[in-house]
Amino acid sequence: MSKIEFLVFLHILGAFVICGGAGVGISAGITMTRTGSVRAIGLLSMTAHRAALIVTLPGALLVAITGSWLIAEYRFFELEEFWLWSSYVLWAVAAILDHGILGPHLLRLHSMARRLEED
């Protein structure tokens, strides 16, 4: 396997990892809205938060690093192309929304569920 094939493999693997983590988070979120159990909401909120940290974030970093490496080393595209820079901006916005807004919200939801469960 050549270096370029390995980098493309890692890049695509990272995309699949992102999809898997996002799927777990979305499934947990949908299930939270359909359950009345405080314990289940606590477990699902922590599952969604951990999926974002343990699965989605490493996948996103893998995609960004290998994609940048492929562009820098093999010059498939010019660095000045609009879609390339907009993809970096969208990547940063998604990371900020996921870890800056959704993550703290899930942690608050988890702590509220634990307090309600203890009462």
PDB file of N, CA and C in Angstrom:
ATOM      1  N   MET A   1       0.842  -1.169   0.000  1.00  0.00           N
ATOM      2  CA  MET A   1       0.000   0.000   0.000  1.00  0.00           C
ATOM      3  C   MET A   1       0.891   1.237   0.000  1.00  0.00           C
ATOM      4  N   SER A   2       0.642   2.115  -0.946  1.00  0.00           N
ATOM      5  CA  SER A   2       1.455   3.324  -1.044  1.00  0.00           C
ATOM      6  C   SER A   2       1.018   4.341   0.018  1.00  0.00           C
ATOM      7  N   LYS A   3       1.827   5.356   0.157  1.00  0.00           N
ATOM      8  CA  LYS A   3       1.549   6.395   1.144  1.00  0.00           C
ATOM      9  C   LYS A   3       0.238   7.106   0.839  1.00  0.00           C
ATOM     10  N   ILE A   4       0.002   7.425  -0.425  1.00  0.00           N
ATOM     11  CA  ILE A   4      -1.226   8.132  -0.793  1.00  0.00           C
ATOM     12  C   ILE A   4      -2.457   7.257  -0.539  1.00  0.00           C
ATOM     13  N   GLU A   5      -2.358   5.969  -0.823  1.00  0.00           N
ATOM     14  CA  GLU A   5      -3.479   5.065  -0.558  1.00  0.00           C
ATOM     15  C   GLU A   5      -3.764   4.976   0.942  1.00  0.00           C
ATOM     16  N   PHE A   6      -2.714   4.955   1.730  1.00  0.00           N
ATOM     17  CA  PHE A   6      -2.874   4.895   3.182  1.00  0.00           C
ATOM     18  C   PHE A   6      -3.531   6.161   3.714  1.00  0.00           C
ATOM     19  N   LEU A   7      -3.105   7.319   3.213  1.00  0.00           N
ATOM     20  CA  LEU A   7      -3.695   8.585   3.650  1.00  0.00           C
ATOM     21  C   LEU A   7      -5.161   8.695   3.238  1.00  0.00           C
ATOM     22  N   VAL A   8      -5.478   8.275   2.038  1.00  0.00           N
ATOM     23  CA  VAL A   8      -6.872   8.300   1.586  1.00  0.00           C
ATOM     24  C   VAL A   8      -7.706   7.333   2.424  1.00  0.00           C
ATOM     25  N   PHE A   9      -7.151   6.157   2.720  1.00  0.00           N
ATOM     26  CA  PHE A   9      -7.849   5.200   3.573  1.00  0.00           C
ATOM     27  C   PHE A   9      -8.156   5.819   4.939  1.00  0.00           C
ATOM     28  N   LEU A  10      -7.157   6.461   5.554  1.00  0.00           N
ATOM     29  CA  LEU A  10      -7.374   7.095   6.858  1.00  0.00           C
ATOM     30  C   LEU A  10      -8.391   8.223   6.765  1.00  0.00           C
ATOM     31  N   HIS A  11      -8.347   8.982   5.681  1.00  0.00           N
ATOM     32  CA  HIS A  11      -9.279  10.086   5.476  1.00  0.00           C
ATOM     33  C   HIS A  11     -10.716   9.560   5.407  1.00  0.00           C
ATOM     34  N   ILE A  12     -10.935   8.527   4.639  1.00  0.00           N
ATOM     35  CA  ILE A  12     -12.273   7.948   4.502  1.00  0.00           C
ATOM     36  C   ILE A  12     -12.698   7.261   5.803  1.00  0.00           C
ATOM     37  N   LEU A  13     -11.754   6.598   6.470  1.00  0.00           N
ATOM     38  CA  LEU A  13     -12.046   5.991   7.763  1.00  0.00           C
ATOM     39  C   LEU A  13     -12.517   7.049   8.758  1.00  0.00           C
ATOM     40  N   GLY A  14     -11.841   8.191   8.769  1.00  0.00           N
ATOM     41  CA  GLY A  14     -12.250   9.285   9.654  1.00  0.00           C
ATOM     42  C   GLY A  14     -13.665   9.763   9.365  1.00  0.00           C
ATOM     43  N   ALA A  15     -14.028   9.818   8.082  1.00  0.00           N
ATOM     44  CA  ALA A  15     -15.389  10.229   7.720  1.00  0.00           C
ATOM     45  C   ALA A  15     -16.410   9.219   8.241  1.00  0.00           C
ATOM     46  N   PHE A  16     -16.109   7.934   8.135  1.00  0.00           N
ATOM     47  CA  PHE A  16     -17.021   6.918   8.657  1.00  0.00           C
ATOM     48  C   PHE A  16     -17.110   6.975  10.179  1.00  0.00           C
ATOM     49  N   VAL A  17     -16.006   7.268  10.836  1.00  0.00           N
ATOM     50  CA  VAL A  17     -16.012   7.387  12.293  1.00  0.00           C
ATOM     51  C   VAL A  17     -16.878   8.569  12.717  1.00  0.00           C
ATOM     52  N   ILE A  18     -16.778   9.687  12.000  1.00  0.00           N
ATOM     53  CA  ILE A  18     -17.634  10.844  12.285  1.00  0.00           C
ATOM     54  C   ILE A  18     -19.103  10.447  12.166  1.00  0.00           C
ATOM     55  N   CYS A  19     -19.438   9.766  11.098  1.00  0.00           N
ATOM     56  CA  CYS A  19     -20.831   9.344  10.882  1.00  0.00           C
ATOM     57  C   CYS A  19     -21.307   8.415  11.992  1.00  0.00           C
ATOM     58  N   GLY A  20     -20.448   7.512  12.429  1.00  0.00           N
ATOM     59  CA  GLY A  20     -20.822   6.608  13.519  1.00  0.00           C
ATOM     60  C   GLY A  20     -21.072   7.347  14.819  1.00  0.00           C
ATOM     61  N   GLY A  21     -20.179   8.244  15.167  1.00  0.00           N
ATOM     62  CA  GLY A  21     -20.356   9.026  16.391  1.00  0.00           C
ATOM     63  C   GLY A  21     -21.573   9.926  16.330  1.00  0.00           C
ATOM     64  N   ALA A  22     -21.786  10.544  15.179  1.00  0.00           N
ATOM     65  CA  ALA A  22     -22.964  11.395  15.014  1.00  0.00           C
ATOM     66  C   ALA A  22     -24.238  10.563  15.091  1.00  0.00           C
ATOM     67  N   GLY A  23     -24.209   9.363  14.529  1.00  0.00           N
ATOM     68  CA  GLY A  23     -25.365   8.476  14.599  1.00  0.00           C
ATOM     69  C   GLY A  23     -25.721   8.102  16.023  1.00  0.00           C
ATOM     70  N   VAL A  24     -24.703   7.811  16.826  1.00  0.00           N
ATOM     71  CA  VAL A  24     -24.939   7.482  18.230  1.00  0.00           C
ATOM     72  C   VAL A  24     -25.524   8.685  18.960  1.00  0.00           C
ATOM     73  N   GLY A  25     -24.951   9.865  18.723  1.00  0.00           N
ATOM     74  CA  GLY A  25     -25.446  11.072  19.384  1.00  0.00           C
ATOM     75  C   GLY A  25     -26.871  11.415  18.986  1.00  0.00           C
ATOM     76  N   ILE A  26     -27.172  11.312  17.703  1.00  0.00           N
ATOM     77  CA  ILE A  26     -28.530  11.606  17.229  1.00  0.00           C
ATOM     78  C   ILE A  26     -29.517  10.584  17.775  1.00  0.00           C
ATOM     79  N   SER A  27     -29.136   9.320  17.752  1.00  0.00           N
ATOM     80  CA  SER A  27     -30.023   8.270  18.289  1.00  0.00           C
ATOM     81  C   SER A  27     -30.294   8.491  19.772  1.00  0.00           C
ATOM     82  N   ALA A  28     -29.266   8.847  20.512  1.00  0.00           N
ATOM     83  CA  ALA A  28     -29.447   9.112  21.942  1.00  0.00           C
ATOM     84  C   ALA A  28     -30.355  10.320  22.156  1.00  0.00           C
ATOM     85  N   GLY A  29     -30.177  11.354  21.359  1.00  0.00           N
ATOM     86  CA  GLY A  29     -31.022  12.541  21.478  1.00  0.00           C
ATOM     87  C   GLY A  29     -32.476  12.255  21.170  1.00  0.00           C
ATOM     88  N   ILE A  30     -32.733  11.497  20.127  1.00  0.00           N
ATOM     89  CA  ILE A  30     -34.108  11.145  19.775  1.00  0.00           C
ATOM     90  C   ILE A  30     -34.730  10.283  20.866  1.00  0.00           C
ATOM     91  N   THR A  31     -33.948   9.329  21.372  1.00  0.00           N
ATOM     92  CA  THR A  31     -34.463   8.449  22.417  1.00  0.00           C
ATOM     93  C   THR A  31     -34.747   9.217  23.700  1.00  0.00           C
ATOM     94  N   MET A  32     -33.931  10.241  24.008  1.00  0.00           N
ATOM     95  CA  MET A  32     -34.179  11.053  25.206  1.00  0.00           C
ATOM     96  C   MET A  32     -35.533  11.744  25.139  1.00  0.00           C
ATOM     97  N   THR A  33     -35.940  12.169  23.955  1.00  0.00           N
ATOM     98  CA  THR A  33     -37.225  12.862  23.831  1.00  0.00           C
ATOM     99  C   THR A  33     -38.402  11.909  23.944  1.00  0.00           C
ATOM    100  N   ARG A  34     -38.166  10.623  23.797  1.00  0.00           N
ATOM    101  CA  ARG A  34     -39.260   9.644  23.796  1.00  0.00           C
ATOM    102  C   ARG A  34     -39.350   8.836  25.084  1.00  0.00           C
ATOM    103  N   THR A  35     -38.524   9.149  26.050  1.00  0.00           N
ATOM    104  CA  THR A  35     -38.558   8.401  27.299  1.00  0.00           C
ATOM    105  C   THR A  35     -38.966   9.320  28.442  1.00  0.00           C
ATOM    106  N   GLY A  36     -39.596   8.739  29.428  1.00  0.00           N
ATOM    107  CA  GLY A  36     -39.968   9.492  30.614  1.00  0.00           C
ATOM    108  C   GLY A  36     -39.104   9.141  31.807  1.00  0.00           C
ATOM    109  N   SER A  37     -38.173   8.229  31.613  1.00  0.00           N
ATOM    110  CA  SER A  37     -37.315   7.767  32.697  1.00  0.00           C
ATOM    111  C   SER A  37     -36.139   8.726  32.888  1.00  0.00           C
ATOM    112  N   VAL A  38     -36.023   9.219  34.097  1.00  0.00           N
ATOM    113  CA  VAL A  38     -34.919  10.136  34.406  1.00  0.00           C
ATOM    114  C   VAL A  38     -33.584   9.414  34.295  1.00  0.00           C
ATOM    115  N   ARG A  39     -33.555   8.171  34.742  1.00  0.00           N
ATOM    116  CA  ARG A  39     -32.311   7.390  34.659  1.00  0.00           C
ATOM    117  C   ARG A  39     -31.883   7.194  33.210  1.00  0.00           C
ATOM    118  N   ALA A  40     -32.849   6.882  32.341  1.00  0.00           N
ATOM    119  CA  ALA A  40     -32.533   6.686  30.923  1.00  0.00           C
ATOM    120  C   ALA A  40     -32.031   7.986  30.296  1.00  0.00           C
ATOM    121  N   ILE A  41     -32.620   9.110  30.654  1.00  0.00           N
ATOM    122  CA  ILE A  41     -32.171  10.395  30.121  1.00  0.00           C
ATOM    123  C   ILE A  41     -30.748  10.683  30.578  1.00  0.00           C
ATOM    124  N   GLY A  42     -30.442  10.383  31.821  1.00  0.00           N
ATOM    125  CA  GLY A  42     -29.081  10.575  32.322  1.00  0.00           C
ATOM    126  C   GLY A  42     -28.070   9.722  31.580  1.00  0.00           C
ATOM    127  N   LEU A  43     -28.415   8.459  31.379  1.00  0.00           N
ATOM    128  CA  LEU A  43     -27.501   7.560  30.669  1.00  0.00           C
ATOM    129  C   LEU A  43     -27.341   7.959  29.197  1.00  0.00           C
ATOM    130  N   LEU A  44     -28.450   8.314  28.573  1.00  0.00           N
ATOM    131  CA  LEU A  44     -28.384   8.687  27.150  1.00  0.00           C
ATOM    132  C   LEU A  44     -27.630   9.997  26.937  1.00  0.00           C
ATOM    133  N   SER A  45     -27.805  10.961  27.847  1.00  0.00           N
ATOM    134  CA  SER A  45     -27.081  12.225  27.694  1.00  0.00           C
ATOM    135  C   SER A  45     -25.574  12.019  27.851  1.00  0.00           C
ATOM    136  N   MET A  46     -25.187  11.135  28.773  1.00  0.00           N
ATOM    137  CA  MET A  46     -23.759  10.860  28.934  1.00  0.00           C
ATOM    138  C   MET A  46     -23.233  10.063  27.746  1.00  0.00           C
ATOM    139  N   THR A  47     -24.037   9.155  27.212  1.00  0.00           N
ATOM    140  CA  THR A  47     -23.632   8.397  26.025  1.00  0.00           C
ATOM    141  C   THR A  47     -23.405   9.323  24.845  1.00  0.00           C
ATOM    142  N   ALA A  48     -24.309  10.270  24.637  1.00  0.00           N
ATOM    143  CA  ALA A  48     -24.159  11.221  23.530  1.00  0.00           C
ATOM    144  C   ALA A  48     -22.921  12.088  23.727  1.00  0.00           C
ATOM    145  N   HIS A  49     -22.680  12.529  24.952  1.00  0.00           N
ATOM    146  CA  HIS A  49     -21.500  13.358  25.225  1.00  0.00           C
ATOM    147  C   HIS A  49     -20.208  12.571  24.987  1.00  0.00           C
ATOM    148  N   ARG A  50     -20.170  11.344  25.462  1.00  0.00           N
ATOM    149  CA  ARG A  50     -18.970  10.519  25.271  1.00  0.00           C
ATOM    150  C   ARG A  50     -18.761  10.161  23.804  1.00  0.00           C
ATOM    151  N   ALA A  51     -19.838   9.940  23.074  1.00  0.00           N
ATOM    152  CA  ALA A  51     -19.704   9.655  21.640  1.00  0.00           C
ATOM    153  C   ALA A  51     -19.066  10.835  20.920  1.00  0.00           C
ATOM    154  N   ALA A  52     -19.447  12.039  21.332  1.00  0.00           N
ATOM    155  CA  ALA A  52     -18.861  13.224  20.712  1.00  0.00           C
ATOM    156  C   ALA A  52     -17.375  13.335  21.032  1.00  0.00           C
ATOM    157  N   LEU A  53     -17.007  13.070  22.272  1.00  0.00           N
ATOM    158  CA  LEU A  53     -15.606  13.211  22.666  1.00  0.00           C
ATOM    159  C   LEU A  53     -14.722  12.060  22.212  1.00  0.00           C
ATOM    160  N   ILE A  54     -15.231  10.848  22.305  1.00  0.00           N
ATOM    161  CA  ILE A  54     -14.397   9.672  22.068  1.00  0.00           C
ATOM    162  C   ILE A  54     -14.435   9.211  20.616  1.00  0.00           C
ATOM    163  N   VAL A  55     -15.517   9.498  19.902  1.00  0.00           N
ATOM    164  CA  VAL A  55     -15.654   9.004  18.538  1.00  0.00           C
ATOM    165  C   VAL A  55     -15.615  10.147  17.515  1.00  0.00           C
ATOM    166  N   THR A  56     -16.520  11.098  17.647  1.00  0.00           N
ATOM    167  CA  THR A  56     -16.663  12.133  16.625  1.00  0.00           C
ATOM    168  C   THR A  56     -15.444  13.056  16.551  1.00  0.00           C
ATOM    169  N   LEU A  57     -14.948  13.511  17.676  1.00  0.00           N
ATOM    170  CA  LEU A  57     -13.796  14.419  17.667  1.00  0.00           C
ATOM    171  C   LEU A  57     -12.548  13.780  17.069  1.00  0.00           C
ATOM    172  N   PRO A  58     -12.143  12.568  17.475  1.00  0.00           N
ATOM    173  CA  PRO A  58     -10.986  11.956  16.816  1.00  0.00           C
ATOM    174  C   PRO A  58     -11.199  11.729  15.320  1.00  0.00           C
ATOM    175  N   GLY A  59     -12.415  11.355  14.929  1.00  0.00           N
ATOM    176  CA  GLY A  59     -12.709  11.188  13.500  1.00  0.00           C
ATOM    177  C   GLY A  59     -12.570  12.497  12.743  1.00  0.00           C
ATOM    178  N   ALA A  60     -13.063  13.576  13.351  1.00  0.00           N
ATOM    179  CA  ALA A  60     -12.960  14.886  12.708  1.00  0.00           C
ATOM    180  C   ALA A  60     -11.506  15.334  12.592  1.00  0.00           C
ATOM    181  N   LEU A  61     -10.738  15.095  13.630  1.00  0.00           N
ATOM    182  CA  LEU A  61      -9.308  15.434  13.569  1.00  0.00           C
ATOM    183  C   LEU A  61      -8.587  14.602  12.522  1.00  0.00           C
ATOM    184  N   LEU A  62      -8.926  13.321  12.428  1.00  0.00           N
ATOM    185  CA  LEU A  62      -8.317  12.449  11.427  1.00  0.00           C
ATOM    186  C   LEU A  62      -8.629  12.943  10.017  1.00  0.00           C
ATOM    187  N   VAL A  63      -9.868  13.330   9.776  1.00  0.00           N
ATOM    188  CA  VAL A  63     -10.251  13.851   8.461  1.00  0.00           C
ATOM    189  C   VAL A  63      -9.495  15.146   8.148  1.00  0.00           C
ATOM    190  N   ALA A  64      -9.447  16.053   9.097  1.00  0.00           N
ATOM    191  CA  ALA A  64      -8.780  17.334   8.857  1.00  0.00           C
ATOM    192  C   ALA A  64      -7.273  17.162   8.640  1.00  0.00           C
ATOM    193  N   ILE A  65      -6.661  16.331   9.455  1.00  0.00           N
ATOM    194  CA  ILE A  65      -5.203  16.151   9.349  1.00  0.00           C
ATOM    195  C   ILE A  65      -4.828  15.438   8.055  1.00  0.00           C
ATOM    196  N   THR A  66      -5.499  14.329   7.759  1.00  0.00           N
ATOM    197  CA  THR A  66      -5.135  13.590   6.542  1.00  0.00           C
ATOM    198  C   THR A  66      -5.519  14.363   5.285  1.00  0.00           C
ATOM    199  N   GLY A  67      -6.642  15.077   5.325  1.00  0.00           N
ATOM    200  CA  GLY A  67      -7.021  15.900   4.172  1.00  0.00           C
ATOM    201  C   GLY A  67      -6.010  17.004   3.918  1.00  0.00           C
ATOM    202  N   SER A  68      -5.595  17.663   4.985  1.00  0.00           N
ATOM    203  CA  SER A  68      -4.576  18.716   4.842  1.00  0.00           C
ATOM    204  C   SER A  68      -3.250  18.143   4.361  1.00  0.00           C
ATOM    205  N   TRP A  69      -2.888  16.992   4.875  1.00  0.00           N
ATOM    206  CA  TRP A  69      -1.645  16.330   4.471  1.00  0.00           C
ATOM    207  C   TRP A  69      -1.692  15.979   2.988  1.00  0.00           C
ATOM    208  N   LEU A  70      -2.824  15.418   2.533  1.00  0.00           N
ATOM    209  CA  LEU A  70      -2.958  15.075   1.118  1.00  0.00           C
ATOM    210  C   LEU A  70      -2.837  16.310   0.234  1.00  0.00           C
ATOM    211  N   ILE A  71      -3.458  17.389   0.638  1.00  0.00           N
ATOM    212  CA  ILE A  71      -3.406  18.615  -0.160  1.00  0.00           C
ATOM    213  C   ILE A  71      -1.999  19.200  -0.163  1.00  0.00           C
ATOM    214  N   ALA A  72      -1.370  19.224   1.008  1.00  0.00           N
ATOM    215  CA  ALA A  72      -0.034  19.807   1.095  1.00  0.00           C
ATOM    216  C   ALA A  72       1.009  18.996   0.331  1.00  0.00           C
ATOM    217  N   GLU A  73       0.906  17.687   0.410  1.00  0.00           N
ATOM    218  CA  GLU A  73       1.934  16.854  -0.194  1.00  0.00           C
ATOM    219  C   GLU A  73       1.705  16.569  -1.679  1.00  0.00           C
ATOM    220  N   TYR A  74       0.463  16.359  -2.059  1.00  0.00           N
ATOM    221  CA  TYR A  74       0.202  15.918  -3.425  1.00  0.00           C
ATOM    222  C   TYR A  74      -0.424  16.985  -4.318  1.00  0.00           C
ATOM    223  N   ARG A  75      -0.806  18.113  -3.757  1.00  0.00           N
ATOM    224  CA  ARG A  75      -1.339  19.244  -4.532  1.00  0.00           C
ATOM    225  C   ARG A  75      -2.450  18.841  -5.494  1.00  0.00           C
ATOM    226  N   PHE A  76      -3.420  18.081  -4.986  1.00  0.00           N
ATOM    227  CA  PHE A  76      -4.581  17.736  -5.810  1.00  0.00           C
ATOM    228  C   PHE A  76      -5.385  18.977  -6.154  1.00  0.00           C
ATOM    229  N   PHE A  77      -5.414  19.920  -5.220  1.00  0.00           N
ATOM    230  CA  PHE A  77      -6.173  21.151  -5.391  1.00  0.00           C
ATOM    231  C   PHE A  77      -5.274  22.314  -5.017  1.00  0.00           C
ATOM    232  N   GLU A  78      -5.607  23.473  -5.535  1.00  0.00           N
ATOM    233  CA  GLU A  78      -4.891  24.686  -5.152  1.00  0.00           C
ATOM    234  C   GLU A  78      -5.376  25.143  -3.783  1.00  0.00           C
ATOM    235  N   LEU A  79      -4.478  25.643  -2.978  1.00  0.00           N
ATOM    236  CA  LEU A  79      -4.833  26.077  -1.635  1.00  0.00           C
ATOM    237  C   LEU A  79      -5.750  27.301  -1.632  1.00  0.00           C
ATOM    238  N   GLU A  80      -5.836  28.007  -2.747  1.00  0.00           N
ATOM    239  CA  GLU A  80      -6.656  29.210  -2.814  1.00  0.00           C
ATOM    240  C   GLU A  80      -8.113  28.926  -3.170  1.00  0.00           C
ATOM    241  N   GLU A  81      -8.481  27.689  -3.408  1.00  0.00           N
ATOM    242  CA  GLU A  81      -9.842  27.383  -3.822  1.00  0.00           C
ATOM    243  C   GLU A  81     -10.828  27.662  -2.688  1.00  0.00           C
ATOM    244  N   PHE A  82     -11.954  28.277  -3.080  1.00  0.00           N
ATOM    245  CA  PHE A  82     -12.949  28.700  -2.099  1.00  0.00           C
ATOM    246  C   PHE A  82     -13.523  27.515  -1.321  1.00  0.00           C
ATOM    247  N   TRP A  83     -13.849  26.431  -1.996  1.00  0.00           N
ATOM    248  CA  TRP A  83     -14.487  25.306  -1.316  1.00  0.00           C
ATOM    249  C   TRP A  83     -13.568  24.694  -0.268  1.00  0.00           C
ATOM    250  N   LEU A  84     -12.259  24.768  -0.510  1.00  0.00           N
ATOM    251  CA  LEU A  84     -11.307  24.195   0.428  1.00  0.00           C
ATOM    252  C   LEU A  84     -11.301  24.986   1.737  1.00  0.00           C
ATOM    253  N   TRP A  85     -11.208  26.309   1.626  1.00  0.00           N
ATOM    254  CA  TRP A  85     -11.195  27.138   2.834  1.00  0.00           C
ATOM    255  C   TRP A  85     -12.549  27.147   3.516  1.00  0.00           C
ATOM    256  N   SER A  86     -13.626  27.093   2.732  1.00  0.00           N
ATOM    257  CA  SER A  86     -14.949  27.045   3.357  1.00  0.00           C
ATOM    258  C   SER A  86     -15.140  25.725   4.106  1.00  0.00           C
ATOM    259  N   SER A  87     -14.519  24.642   3.635  1.00  0.00           N
ATOM    260  CA  SER A  87     -14.629  23.381   4.370  1.00  0.00           C
ATOM    261  C   SER A  87     -13.919  23.466   5.721  1.00  0.00           C
ATOM    262  N   TYR A  88     -12.800  24.174   5.787  1.00  0.00           N
ATOM    263  CA  TYR A  88     -12.131  24.376   7.069  1.00  0.00           C
ATOM    264  C   TYR A  88     -12.988  25.222   8.004  1.00  0.00           C
ATOM    265  N   VAL A  89     -13.619  26.248   7.461  1.00  0.00           N
ATOM    266  CA  VAL A  89     -14.490  27.101   8.278  1.00  0.00           C
ATOM    267  C   VAL A  89     -15.677  26.292   8.801  1.00  0.00           C
ATOM    268  N   LEU A  90     -16.310  25.513   7.930  1.00  0.00           N
ATOM    269  CA  LEU A  90     -17.442  24.697   8.361  1.00  0.00           C
ATOM    270  C   LEU A  90     -17.013  23.638   9.376  1.00  0.00           C
ATOM    271  N   TRP A  91     -15.819  23.095   9.211  1.00  0.00           N
ATOM    272  CA  TRP A  91     -15.296  22.126  10.175  1.00  0.00           C
ATOM    273  C   TRP A  91     -15.154  22.785  11.548  1.00  0.00           C
ATOM    274  N   ALA A  92     -14.606  23.992  11.582  1.00  0.00           N
ATOM    275  CA  ALA A  92     -14.432  24.708  12.851  1.00  0.00           C
ATOM    276  C   ALA A  92     -15.781  25.062  13.470  1.00  0.00           C
ATOM    277  N   VAL A  93     -16.734  25.497  12.654  1.00  0.00           N
ATOM    278  CA  VAL A  93     -18.066  25.828  13.170  1.00  0.00           C
ATOM    279  C   VAL A  93     -18.725  24.586  13.766  1.00  0.00           C
ATOM    280  N   ALA A  94     -18.626  23.462  13.083  1.00  0.00           N
ATOM    281  CA  ALA A  94     -19.214  22.219  13.594  1.00  0.00           C
ATOM    282  C   ALA A  94     -18.563  21.806  14.913  1.00  0.00           C
ATOM    283  N   ALA A  95     -17.247  21.944  15.010  1.00  0.00           N
ATOM    284  CA  ALA A  95     -16.552  21.587  16.251  1.00  0.00           C
ATOM    285  C   ALA A  95     -16.957  22.521  17.387  1.00  0.00           C
ATOM    286  N   ILE A  96     -17.098  23.804  17.103  1.00  0.00           N
ATOM    287  CA  ILE A  96     -17.516  24.763  18.136  1.00  0.00           C
ATOM    288  C   ILE A  96     -18.935  24.472  18.595  1.00  0.00           C
ATOM    289  N   LEU A  97     -19.833  24.202  17.651  1.00  0.00           N
ATOM    290  CA  LEU A  97     -21.210  23.882  18.027  1.00  0.00           C
ATOM    291  C   LEU A  97     -21.284  22.588  18.833  1.00  0.00           C
ATOM    292  N   ASP A  98     -20.525  21.591  18.409  1.00  0.00           N
ATOM    293  CA  ASP A  98     -20.575  20.297  19.086  1.00  0.00           C
ATOM    294  C   ASP A  98     -19.978  20.366  20.478  1.00  0.00           C
ATOM    295  N   HIS A  99     -18.795  20.926  20.605  1.00  0.00           N
ATOM    296  CA  HIS A  99     -18.095  20.894  21.883  1.00  0.00           C
ATOM    297  C   HIS A  99     -18.272  22.155  22.708  1.00  0.00           C
ATOM    298  N   GLY A 100     -18.720  23.233  22.089  1.00  0.00           N
ATOM    299  CA  GLY A 100     -18.923  24.468  22.836  1.00  0.00           C
ATOM    300  C   GLY A 100     -20.346  24.673  23.296  1.00  0.00           C
ATOM    301  N   ILE A 101     -21.314  24.114  22.570  1.00  0.00           N
ATOM    302  CA  ILE A 101     -22.720  24.306  22.921  1.00  0.00           C
ATOM    303  C   ILE A 101     -23.379  22.990  23.305  1.00  0.00           C
ATOM    304  N   LEU A 102     -23.335  21.999  22.424  1.00  0.00           N
ATOM    305  CA  LEU A 102     -24.028  20.742  22.674  1.00  0.00           C
ATOM    306  C   LEU A 102     -23.403  19.962  23.827  1.00  0.00           C
ATOM    307  N   GLY A 103     -22.087  19.915  23.894  1.00  0.00           N
ATOM    308  CA  GLY A 103     -21.413  19.176  24.966  1.00  0.00           C
ATOM    309  C   GLY A 103     -21.772  19.678  26.351  1.00  0.00           C
ATOM    310  N   PRO A 104     -21.621  20.988  26.622  1.00  0.00           N
ATOM    311  CA  PRO A 104     -22.022  21.498  27.940  1.00  0.00           C
ATOM    312  C   PRO A 104     -23.515  21.289  28.233  1.00  0.00           C
ATOM    313  N   HIS A 105     -24.353  21.399  27.201  1.00  0.00           N
ATOM    314  CA  HIS A 105     -25.786  21.160  27.394  1.00  0.00           C
ATOM    315  C   HIS A 105     -26.039  19.720  27.828  1.00  0.00           C
ATOM    316  N   LEU A 106     -25.378  18.771  27.185  1.00  0.00           N
ATOM    317  CA  LEU A 106     -25.543  17.364  27.559  1.00  0.00           C
ATOM    318  C   LEU A 106     -25.043  17.096  28.975  1.00  0.00           C
ATOM    319  N   LEU A 107     -23.958  17.752  29.365  1.00  0.00           N
ATOM    320  CA  LEU A 107     -23.459  17.576  30.731  1.00  0.00           C
ATOM    321  C   LEU A 107     -24.433  18.151  31.750  1.00  0.00           C
ATOM    322  N   ARG A 108     -25.019  19.324  31.450  1.00  0.00           N
ATOM    323  CA  ARG A 108     -26.029  19.898  32.351  1.00  0.00           C
ATOM    324  C   ARG A 108     -27.240  18.976  32.448  1.00  0.00           C
ATOM    325  N   LEU A 109     -27.668  18.453  31.323  1.00  0.00           N
ATOM    326  CA  LEU A 109     -28.804  17.532  31.304  1.00  0.00           C
ATOM    327  C   LEU A 109     -28.502  16.284  32.140  1.00  0.00           C
ATOM    328  N   HIS A 110     -27.292  15.772  32.013  1.00  0.00           N
ATOM    329  CA  HIS A 110     -26.882  14.594  32.786  1.00  0.00           C
ATOM    330  C   HIS A 110     -26.879  14.905  34.281  1.00  0.00           C
ATOM    331  N   SER A 111     -26.322  16.048  34.669  1.00  0.00           N
ATOM    332  CA  SER A 111     -26.276  16.378  36.098  1.00  0.00           C
ATOM    333  C   SER A 111     -27.676  16.632  36.654  1.00  0.00           C
ATOM    334  N   MET A 112     -28.562  17.246  35.867  1.00  0.00           N
ATOM    335  CA  MET A 112     -29.936  17.447  36.316  1.00  0.00           C
ATOM    336  C   MET A 112     -30.645  16.107  36.496  1.00  0.00           C
ATOM    337  N   ALA A 113     -30.412  15.180  35.573  1.00  0.00           N
ATOM    338  CA  ALA A 113     -31.030  13.864  35.677  1.00  0.00           C
ATOM    339  C   ALA A 113     -30.514  13.118  36.901  1.00  0.00           C
ATOM    340  N   ARG A 114     -29.235  13.249  37.194  1.00  0.00           N
ATOM    341  CA  ARG A 114     -28.682  12.578  38.392  1.00  0.00           C
ATOM    342  C   ARG A 114     -29.279  13.162  39.665  1.00  0.00           C
ATOM    343  N   ARG A 115     -29.434  14.506  39.692  1.00  0.00           N
ATOM    344  CA  ARG A 115     -30.039  15.123  40.879  1.00  0.00           C
ATOM    345  C   ARG A 115     -31.479  14.686  41.051  1.00  0.00           C
ATOM    346  N   LEU A 116     -32.233  14.623  39.954  1.00  0.00           N
ATOM    347  CA  LEU A 116     -33.630  14.178  40.044  1.00  0.00           C
ATOM    348  C   LEU A 116     -33.720  12.714  40.461  1.00  0.00           C
ATOM    349  N   GLU A 117     -32.781  11.920  39.990  1.00  0.00           N
ATOM    350  CA  GLU A 117     -32.782  10.506  40.342  1.00  0.00           C
ATOM    351  C   GLU A 117     -32.470  10.289  41.821  1.00  0.00           C
ATOM    352  N   GLU A 118     -31.613  11.129  42.376  1.00  0.00           N
ATOM    353  CA  GLU A 118     -31.263  11.011  43.790  1.00  0.00           C
ATOM    354  C   GLU A 118     -32.406  11.430  44.705  1.00  0.00           C
ATOM    355  N   ASP A 119     -33.256  12.336  44.240  1.00  0.00           N
ATOM    356  CA  ASP A 119     -34.379  12.830  45.073  1.00  0.00           C
ATOM    357  C   ASP A 119     -35.488  11.842  45.208  1.00  0.00           C
TER     358      ASP A 119
END
